[in-house]
Amino acid sequence: MQAARFALTFVVLAACEARGATGTSLAARGGSDLPAPSSTGTNGGGAAAPGGSTTGASSSMTRGVSKDGWNTTQIKWQVFATGMRQAKSENKPVCLVFYTQWCPHCRAYSHVFEDERIVARARDFVMIRVDDDASPEISARFMPDGKYIPRTYFLTSDGTLDASLHAPTKEYQFFYHEHDPSSLLAGMQAAARKLAMR
């Protein structure tokens, strides 16, 4: 069973990373029904961050909160400009998430925000989501280790990225586990402690 999960993750990654310069998906070329990325990684090809296994997912996930993910009923997501103004006026740190509509990792990650612990911790932040495809100029400002999705950053209330706050990985440092909320929760807790002192 574990080998099957690894193979499935590998297939998804291969589909996400296999993209021509024209931006056509594998589906359009007959290779897969999975979407292909439109972002460019540091290696020149499309890049979506790697996924994890579904093991270890939290039992406190509240499935069904939002059909399309991101839990917009319990988390007050903001667009970038509005969220940055709010962060400055309220002196709150920012949790900034870059995603795309077509990315299977982003869809999986969106459900992490249904976890009751994430919902509670989100109240300590201004929560901002940015569609990487729709806002490339914003995305270009936040790529300390390359361009891939999803990426989650923690910023001070004045919009300064704290690159020391990241997932415990060497590669794709701003990719938190897409199935296990405890990964993001640890990042949010560390960010709340560190950024609240500023």
Protein backbone atom coordinates (compact mmCIF):
# COMPACT_ATOMS: atom_id res chain seq x y z
CA MET A 1 0.00 0.00 0.00
CA GLN A 2 2.81 2.43 0.89
CA ALA A 3 4.53 1.70 -2.45
CA ALA A 4 1.28 2.47 -4.27
CA ARG A 5 1.01 5.84 -2.50
CA PHE A 6 4.61 6.65 -3.41
CA ALA A 7 3.97 5.72 -7.04
CA LEU A 8 0.84 7.89 -7.13
CA THR A 9 2.72 10.84 -5.63
CA PHE A 10 5.49 10.35 -8.19
CA VAL A 11 2.98 10.29 -11.06
CA VAL A 12 1.34 13.49 -9.81
CA LEU A 13 4.72 15.18 -9.49
CA ALA A 14 5.77 14.07 -12.94
CA ALA A 15 2.54 15.47 -14.34
CA CYS A 16 3.00 18.77 -12.48
CA GLU A 17 6.59 19.19 -13.54
CA ALA A 18 6.23 18.10 -17.17
CA ARG A 19 5.39 21.28 -19.03
CA GLY A 20 6.48 22.75 -22.27
CA ALA A 21 7.42 26.37 -22.84
CA THR A 22 3.97 27.01 -24.30
CA GLY A 23 2.32 26.14 -21.01
CA THR A 24 0.20 23.36 -22.43
CA SER A 25 -0.82 20.65 -20.04
CA LEU A 26 -0.16 16.96 -20.40
CA ALA A 27 -3.91 16.54 -20.78
CA ALA A 28 -3.85 18.76 -23.86
CA ARG A 29 -1.06 16.59 -25.26
CA GLY A 30 -2.79 13.34 -24.31
CA GLY A 31 -0.35 12.48 -21.50
CA SER A 32 -2.49 12.78 -18.40
CA ASP A 33 -5.72 14.20 -17.09
CA LEU A 34 -3.79 16.10 -14.38
CA PRO A 35 -3.15 19.81 -14.87
CA ALA A 36 0.34 21.03 -15.66
CA PRO A 37 1.87 24.05 -13.96
CA SER A 38 2.17 27.47 -15.41
CA SER A 39 4.83 28.60 -12.97
CA THR A 40 8.52 28.27 -13.73
CA GLY A 41 10.92 26.84 -11.19
CA THR A 42 14.56 27.72 -10.88
CA ASN A 43 15.42 24.77 -13.10
CA GLY A 44 13.50 26.27 -16.02
CA GLY A 45 10.68 23.71 -15.95
CA GLY A 46 7.32 23.90 -14.30
CA ALA A 47 7.47 23.31 -10.59
CA ALA A 48 4.91 22.22 -8.11
CA ALA A 49 6.08 21.30 -4.66
CA PRO A 50 6.14 17.61 -3.78
CA GLY A 51 3.22 16.01 -2.01
CA GLY A 52 3.27 13.83 1.05
CA SER A 53 1.44 10.68 1.84
CA THR A 54 -2.04 10.80 3.25
CA THR A 55 -0.91 9.08 6.41
CA GLY A 56 -0.76 11.19 9.52
CA ALA A 57 -3.65 13.44 8.56
CA SER A 58 -5.26 14.95 11.60
CA SER A 59 -8.50 13.64 13.01
CA SER A 60 -9.53 17.22 13.77
CA MET A 61 -10.06 17.94 10.08
CA THR A 62 -13.58 19.16 9.59
CA ARG A 63 -14.35 17.82 6.14
CA GLY A 64 -17.19 19.41 4.27
CA VAL A 65 -16.66 22.90 5.66
CA SER A 66 -16.10 24.27 2.16
CA LYS A 67 -16.57 22.24 -0.98
CA ASP A 68 -13.87 24.09 -2.88
CA GLY A 69 -11.38 24.16 -0.02
CA TRP A 70 -9.68 27.08 1.74
CA ASN A 71 -12.46 27.16 4.37
CA THR A 72 -13.70 30.60 3.37
CA THR A 73 -16.58 30.29 5.84
CA GLN A 74 -14.29 30.21 8.91
CA ILE A 75 -11.12 31.93 7.72
CA LYS A 76 -11.25 35.56 6.63
CA TRP A 77 -9.07 35.41 3.53
CA GLN A 78 -8.02 38.74 2.07
CA VAL A 79 -6.65 39.80 -1.30
CA PHE A 80 -3.07 41.03 -1.16
CA ALA A 81 -3.50 44.83 -1.06
CA THR A 82 -6.42 44.76 1.37
CA GLY A 83 -4.69 42.24 3.62
CA MET A 84 -1.45 44.21 3.76
CA ARG A 85 -3.35 47.38 4.73
CA GLN A 86 -5.20 45.42 7.41
CA ALA A 87 -1.96 43.92 8.78
CA LYS A 88 -0.39 47.35 9.08
CA SER A 89 -3.43 48.98 10.68
CA GLU A 90 -3.98 46.11 13.16
CA ASN A 91 -0.25 45.42 13.67
CA LYS A 92 -0.79 41.71 12.91
CA PRO A 93 1.55 39.30 11.15
CA VAL A 94 0.56 37.88 7.77
CA CYS A 95 0.18 34.31 6.56
CA LEU A 96 0.57 34.56 2.78
CA VAL A 97 -0.33 31.59 0.56
CA PHE A 98 0.39 31.35 -3.17
CA TYR A 99 -1.69 28.80 -5.07
CA THR A 100 -3.26 28.17 -8.47
CA GLN A 101 -6.64 26.84 -9.51
CA TRP A 102 -5.23 23.90 -11.49
CA CYS A 103 -2.65 22.55 -9.02
CA PRO A 104 -3.59 19.24 -7.35
CA HIS A 105 -1.22 19.98 -4.44
CA CYS A 106 -2.95 23.32 -3.88
CA ARG A 107 -6.37 21.62 -3.85
CA ALA A 108 -5.13 19.12 -1.27
CA TYR A 109 -3.44 21.84 0.79
CA SER A 110 -6.61 23.96 0.77
CA HIS A 111 -8.30 21.37 3.01
CA VAL A 112 -5.62 21.76 5.70
CA PHE A 113 -7.39 25.04 6.50
CA GLU A 114 -10.46 23.09 7.59
CA ASP A 115 -8.62 21.82 10.66
CA GLU A 116 -10.05 23.43 13.82
CA ARG A 117 -6.54 24.14 15.16
CA ILE A 118 -5.58 25.98 11.97
CA VAL A 119 -8.86 27.94 12.10
CA ALA A 120 -8.13 29.01 15.69
CA ARG A 121 -4.51 29.97 14.95
CA ALA A 122 -5.53 31.86 11.79
CA ARG A 123 -7.16 34.47 14.04
CA ASP A 124 -3.65 35.60 15.05
CA PHE A 125 -2.81 36.48 11.43
CA VAL A 126 -4.11 38.41 8.49
CA MET A 127 -4.70 35.54 6.07
CA ILE A 128 -3.92 36.34 2.43
CA ARG A 129 -4.29 34.08 -0.60
CA VAL A 130 -2.77 35.01 -3.96
CA ASP A 131 -3.47 33.16 -7.20
CA ASP A 132 0.05 32.79 -8.62
CA ASP A 133 -1.21 32.84 -12.22
CA ALA A 134 -3.37 35.94 -11.76
CA SER A 135 -0.73 37.96 -9.85
CA PRO A 136 2.75 37.17 -11.20
CA GLU A 137 4.07 40.57 -10.09
CA ILE A 138 3.21 39.79 -6.45
CA SER A 139 4.53 36.25 -6.76
CA ALA A 140 7.87 37.53 -8.11
CA ARG A 141 8.42 39.43 -4.85
CA PHE A 142 8.19 36.23 -2.77
CA MET A 143 10.48 33.53 -4.16
CA PRO A 144 13.50 33.15 -1.85
CA ASP A 145 14.01 29.52 -2.86
CA GLY A 146 12.38 29.54 -6.29
CA LYS A 147 8.91 29.55 -7.76
CA TYR A 148 6.68 26.59 -6.97
CA ILE A 149 3.23 26.14 -5.54
CA PRO A 150 1.75 26.06 -3.06
CA ARG A 151 4.04 28.36 -1.08
CA THR A 152 3.24 29.73 2.39
CA TYR A 153 5.14 32.65 3.92
CA PHE A 154 4.98 34.56 7.16
CA LEU A 155 5.41 38.32 7.01
CA THR A 156 5.65 41.07 9.59
CA SER A 157 2.81 43.57 9.79
CA ASP A 158 4.77 45.92 7.50
CA GLY A 159 5.03 43.21 4.83
CA THR A 160 8.61 42.06 5.42
CA LEU A 161 9.14 38.38 4.66
CA ASP A 162 10.77 36.42 7.47
CA ALA A 163 12.50 33.69 5.45
CA SER A 164 13.67 31.95 8.64
CA LEU A 165 10.07 30.83 9.21
CA HIS A 166 9.57 27.87 6.90
CA ALA A 167 8.69 24.19 6.76
CA PRO A 168 11.33 21.76 8.08
CA THR A 169 12.63 20.81 4.64
CA LYS A 170 15.79 21.66 2.69
CA GLU A 171 14.09 21.86 -0.70
CA TYR A 172 10.77 23.63 -1.23
CA GLN A 173 11.17 25.30 2.15
CA PHE A 174 7.84 27.09 2.04
CA PHE A 175 5.80 24.02 1.15
CA TYR A 176 3.97 22.72 4.20
CA HIS A 177 2.57 19.18 4.22
CA GLU A 178 -0.50 19.18 2.02
CA HIS A 179 -2.40 16.55 4.03
CA ASP A 180 -1.23 16.94 7.62
CA PRO A 181 -2.25 20.22 9.31
CA SER A 182 0.33 19.79 12.09
CA SER A 183 3.07 20.89 9.66
CA LEU A 184 1.43 24.27 9.00
CA LEU A 185 0.27 24.55 12.60
CA ALA A 186 3.89 24.32 13.82
CA GLY A 187 4.86 27.02 11.35
CA MET A 188 1.99 29.26 12.45
CA GLN A 189 2.89 28.81 16.12
CA ALA A 190 6.56 29.67 15.49
CA ALA A 191 5.56 32.69 13.40
CA ALA A 192 3.09 33.95 16.02
CA ARG A 193 5.79 33.75 18.72
CA LYS A 194 8.49 35.40 16.65
CA LEU A 195 6.49 38.04 14.81
CA ALA A 196 4.40 39.10 17.81
CA MET A 197 7.61 40.42 19.41
CA ARG A 198 8.22 42.89 16.55
